[in-house]
Amino acid sequence: MRSKAVVTSILLALACAGLSLNAGAAEDKPGEFKYVGKRSCRSCHSSKAVGGIEFRIWEKSPHAGAWQTLKSEEAKKVAAGLGIDKPEESPACLSCHSTAYGVDKKLKDENTHPSHGVTCEACHGPGSAYKEFKVMKNPDLAKKLGLEPRPGEELCKQCHNDKSPTFKGFNFKEASAKIYHGKKSQN
């Protein structure tokens, strides 16, 4: 079951046509996991010592640059056609081009910012309770604490759909292969 914050993020996305010293599993209540930002993922998921390359793959992906694309001339033209002056500040755009946009501020720490684009937590859920290495080593516990290890097609389609003004079709199998960042043995 998804946390309330993830469900809220998904509902906000439908409307679209990091490291925190204070966040942690001991402070989280079920359903109130907090978004902690990309820095929390980076520490382990870019370390060769831990076997992580996921963060580096994400950094090169369109998701990492999703907010930045809103500042492009092409995005400004599309937005103008929709009556939107600044797409990089528009709720209609930010709901899909950033993580946790519109989620209650008490469920986000200072390291969660729209300019970071579509981060790990957009797909894998708010990380405050599962971000610790000792939790991530226990997959069942990580899931219990909010981790969505393998987000599915329905989550992607919350943004990749015909309500988006730039939608050109979406093939989940092809798209997920382009951003795949798991272990090869899990294919």
Protein backbone atom coordinates (compact mmCIF):
# COMPACT_ATOMS: atom_id res chain seq x y z
CA MET A 1 0.00 0.00 0.00
CA ARG A 2 1.35 3.42 -0.92
CA SER A 3 1.83 6.09 1.70
CA LYS A 4 -0.60 9.01 1.80
CA ALA A 5 2.13 11.33 0.49
CA VAL A 6 2.75 9.15 -2.57
CA VAL A 7 -0.96 8.92 -3.29
CA THR A 8 -1.19 12.71 -2.96
CA SER A 9 1.70 13.09 -5.42
CA ILE A 10 -0.01 10.77 -7.88
CA LEU A 11 -3.29 12.66 -7.63
CA LEU A 12 -1.50 15.95 -8.21
CA ALA A 13 0.24 14.45 -11.22
CA LEU A 14 -3.15 13.57 -12.69
CA ALA A 15 -4.00 17.28 -12.65
CA CYS A 16 -1.08 17.93 -14.95
CA ALA A 17 -2.47 18.24 -18.74
CA GLY A 18 19.45 15.18 0.02
CA LEU A 19 20.05 14.45 3.39
CA SER A 20 17.97 15.44 6.38
CA LEU A 21 19.36 15.44 9.86
CA ASN A 22 15.87 15.59 11.33
CA ALA A 23 14.10 12.90 9.32
CA GLY A 24 14.39 9.26 10.27
CA ALA A 25 12.52 6.03 10.79
CA ALA A 26 12.06 6.65 14.51
CA GLU A 27 10.16 9.88 13.82
CA ASP A 28 7.97 8.63 10.99
CA LYS A 29 4.46 7.35 11.47
CA PRO A 30 3.08 4.89 8.91
CA GLY A 31 1.55 6.88 6.08
CA GLU A 32 3.57 9.98 6.95
CA PHE A 33 6.92 9.17 5.43
CA LYS A 34 8.83 12.28 4.44
CA TYR A 35 10.55 13.20 1.21
CA VAL A 36 14.24 13.70 1.99
CA GLY A 37 15.68 14.61 -1.41
CA LYS A 38 18.19 13.19 -3.82
CA ARG A 39 21.20 13.56 -1.52
CA SER A 40 19.92 10.80 0.73
CA CYS A 41 19.95 8.40 -2.22
CA ARG A 42 23.27 9.55 -3.61
CA SER A 43 25.37 8.47 -0.62
CA CYS A 44 24.83 4.76 -1.22
CA HIS A 45 23.50 4.56 -4.75
CA SER A 46 26.55 6.11 -6.38
CA SER A 47 29.18 4.28 -4.37
CA LYS A 48 31.10 1.52 -6.11
CA ALA A 49 32.03 0.20 -2.68
CA VAL A 50 28.36 -0.54 -2.02
CA GLY A 51 27.74 -1.69 -5.57
CA GLY A 52 25.58 1.30 -6.44
CA ILE A 53 25.45 2.98 -9.82
CA GLU A 54 21.78 3.90 -9.72
CA PHE A 55 22.26 7.56 -8.88
CA ARG A 56 24.71 8.10 -11.71
CA ILE A 57 22.27 6.53 -14.15
CA TRP A 58 19.48 8.77 -12.86
CA GLU A 59 21.68 11.90 -13.17
CA LYS A 60 22.00 11.22 -16.91
CA SER A 61 18.29 10.56 -17.38
CA PRO A 62 15.55 12.89 -18.60
CA HIS A 63 13.96 12.60 -15.14
CA ALA A 64 16.92 14.40 -13.55
CA GLY A 65 16.48 17.28 -15.99
CA ALA A 66 12.68 17.35 -15.94
CA TRP A 67 12.44 20.70 -14.16
CA GLN A 68 15.21 22.23 -16.26
CA THR A 69 13.27 21.41 -19.44
CA LEU A 70 10.51 23.71 -18.21
CA LYS A 71 12.90 26.62 -18.66
CA SER A 72 13.54 25.80 -22.32
CA GLU A 73 12.18 27.91 -25.16
CA GLU A 74 10.14 24.95 -26.41
CA ALA A 75 8.49 24.53 -22.99
CA LYS A 76 7.76 28.25 -22.82
CA LYS A 77 6.01 28.08 -26.20
CA VAL A 78 3.92 25.07 -25.14
CA ALA A 79 3.08 26.76 -21.85
CA ALA A 80 2.14 30.03 -23.55
CA GLY A 81 -0.34 28.09 -25.69
CA LEU A 82 -1.92 26.90 -22.44
CA GLY A 83 -1.96 30.36 -20.89
CA ILE A 84 0.95 29.59 -18.57
CA ASP A 85 3.54 32.35 -18.19
CA LYS A 86 6.33 30.53 -16.31
CA PRO A 87 6.18 26.74 -16.69
CA GLU A 88 8.99 26.26 -14.14
CA GLU A 89 6.67 27.80 -11.51
CA SER A 90 3.31 26.44 -12.70
CA PRO A 91 1.56 23.82 -10.55
CA ALA A 92 0.21 22.22 -13.74
CA CYS A 93 3.76 21.60 -14.94
CA LEU A 94 5.53 21.03 -11.63
CA SER A 95 3.20 18.21 -10.64
CA CYS A 96 4.95 16.03 -13.24
CA HIS A 97 8.31 17.76 -13.64
CA SER A 98 9.34 17.63 -9.97
CA THR A 99 9.07 15.31 -6.99
CA ALA A 100 6.51 15.90 -4.26
CA TYR A 101 5.24 19.19 -5.66
CA GLY A 102 2.12 20.16 -3.76
CA VAL A 103 2.71 17.67 -0.95
CA ASP A 104 2.23 19.13 2.53
CA LYS A 105 5.43 20.90 3.62
CA LYS A 106 5.57 18.86 6.83
CA LEU A 107 6.14 15.79 4.63
CA LYS A 108 9.17 17.31 2.87
CA ASP A 109 12.50 18.35 4.27
CA GLU A 110 14.65 21.25 3.06
CA ASN A 111 16.47 19.00 0.57
CA THR A 112 13.35 18.40 -1.54
CA HIS A 113 13.18 21.06 -4.22
CA PRO A 114 11.39 21.25 -7.59
CA SER A 115 14.64 22.14 -9.36
CA HIS A 116 15.93 18.61 -8.65
CA GLY A 117 13.49 17.26 -11.21
CA VAL A 118 11.89 13.84 -10.93
CA THR A 119 14.03 12.18 -8.29
CA CYS A 120 14.22 8.67 -6.88
CA GLU A 121 11.41 9.32 -4.42
CA ALA A 122 8.93 10.12 -7.20
CA CYS A 123 9.07 6.46 -8.19
CA HIS A 124 10.29 4.71 -5.05
CA GLY A 125 8.33 6.67 -2.42
CA PRO A 126 9.34 9.11 0.32
CA GLY A 127 12.61 7.88 1.81
CA SER A 128 12.79 9.17 5.36
CA ALA A 129 12.10 5.80 6.94
CA TYR A 130 13.96 3.52 4.52
CA LYS A 131 16.99 5.68 3.59
CA GLU A 132 19.37 4.16 6.14
CA PHE A 133 21.75 1.50 4.85
CA LYS A 134 20.78 -0.92 7.62
CA VAL A 135 17.14 -0.68 6.51
CA MET A 136 17.91 -1.00 2.81
CA LYS A 137 19.84 -4.22 3.52
CA ASN A 138 16.52 -5.74 4.62
CA PRO A 139 14.17 -5.57 1.59
CA ASP A 140 11.07 -6.55 3.56
CA LEU A 141 11.70 -3.88 6.18
CA ALA A 142 12.45 -1.28 3.50
CA LYS A 143 9.11 -2.04 1.81
CA LYS A 144 7.31 -1.82 5.15
CA LEU A 145 8.90 1.61 5.63
CA GLY A 146 7.71 2.97 2.29
CA LEU A 147 10.10 1.72 -0.40
CA GLU A 148 8.51 0.82 -3.70
CA PRO A 149 11.31 -1.32 -5.16
CA ARG A 150 9.79 -1.86 -8.59
CA PRO A 151 7.36 0.89 -9.57
CA GLY A 152 4.97 -0.21 -12.28
CA GLU A 153 3.42 1.11 -15.42
CA GLU A 154 0.45 2.73 -13.68
CA LEU A 155 2.73 4.99 -11.65
CA CYS A 156 4.56 6.11 -14.79
CA LYS A 157 1.29 6.79 -16.57
CA GLN A 158 0.33 9.32 -13.92
CA CYS A 159 2.50 11.75 -15.90
CA HIS A 160 3.25 9.95 -19.15
CA ASN A 161 -0.27 10.19 -20.56
CA ASP A 162 -2.40 12.05 -23.09
CA LYS A 163 -3.20 14.82 -20.60
CA SER A 164 0.37 16.06 -21.07
CA PRO A 165 0.55 18.71 -23.80
CA THR A 166 3.69 17.06 -25.24
CA PHE A 167 2.53 13.42 -25.06
CA LYS A 168 3.76 11.31 -27.97
CA GLY A 169 2.77 7.88 -26.71
CA PHE A 170 4.20 5.74 -23.94
CA ASN A 171 5.56 2.22 -24.10
CA PHE A 172 6.33 1.11 -20.55
CA LYS A 173 8.66 -1.72 -21.54
CA GLU A 174 10.80 0.51 -23.77
CA ALA A 175 10.76 3.47 -21.39
CA SER A 176 11.66 1.43 -18.31
CA ALA A 177 14.53 -0.23 -20.19
CA LYS A 178 15.98 3.22 -20.92
CA ILE A 179 16.08 4.16 -17.24
CA TYR A 180 16.80 0.71 -15.80
CA HIS A 181 19.18 1.00 -12.88
CA GLY A 182 18.87 -2.29 -11.00
CA LYS A 183 21.17 -5.21 -10.82
CA LYS A 184 21.58 -7.17 -14.05
CA SER A 185 20.56 -10.39 -12.28
CA GLN A 186 17.16 -8.86 -11.62
CA ASN A 187 16.24 -8.48 -15.31
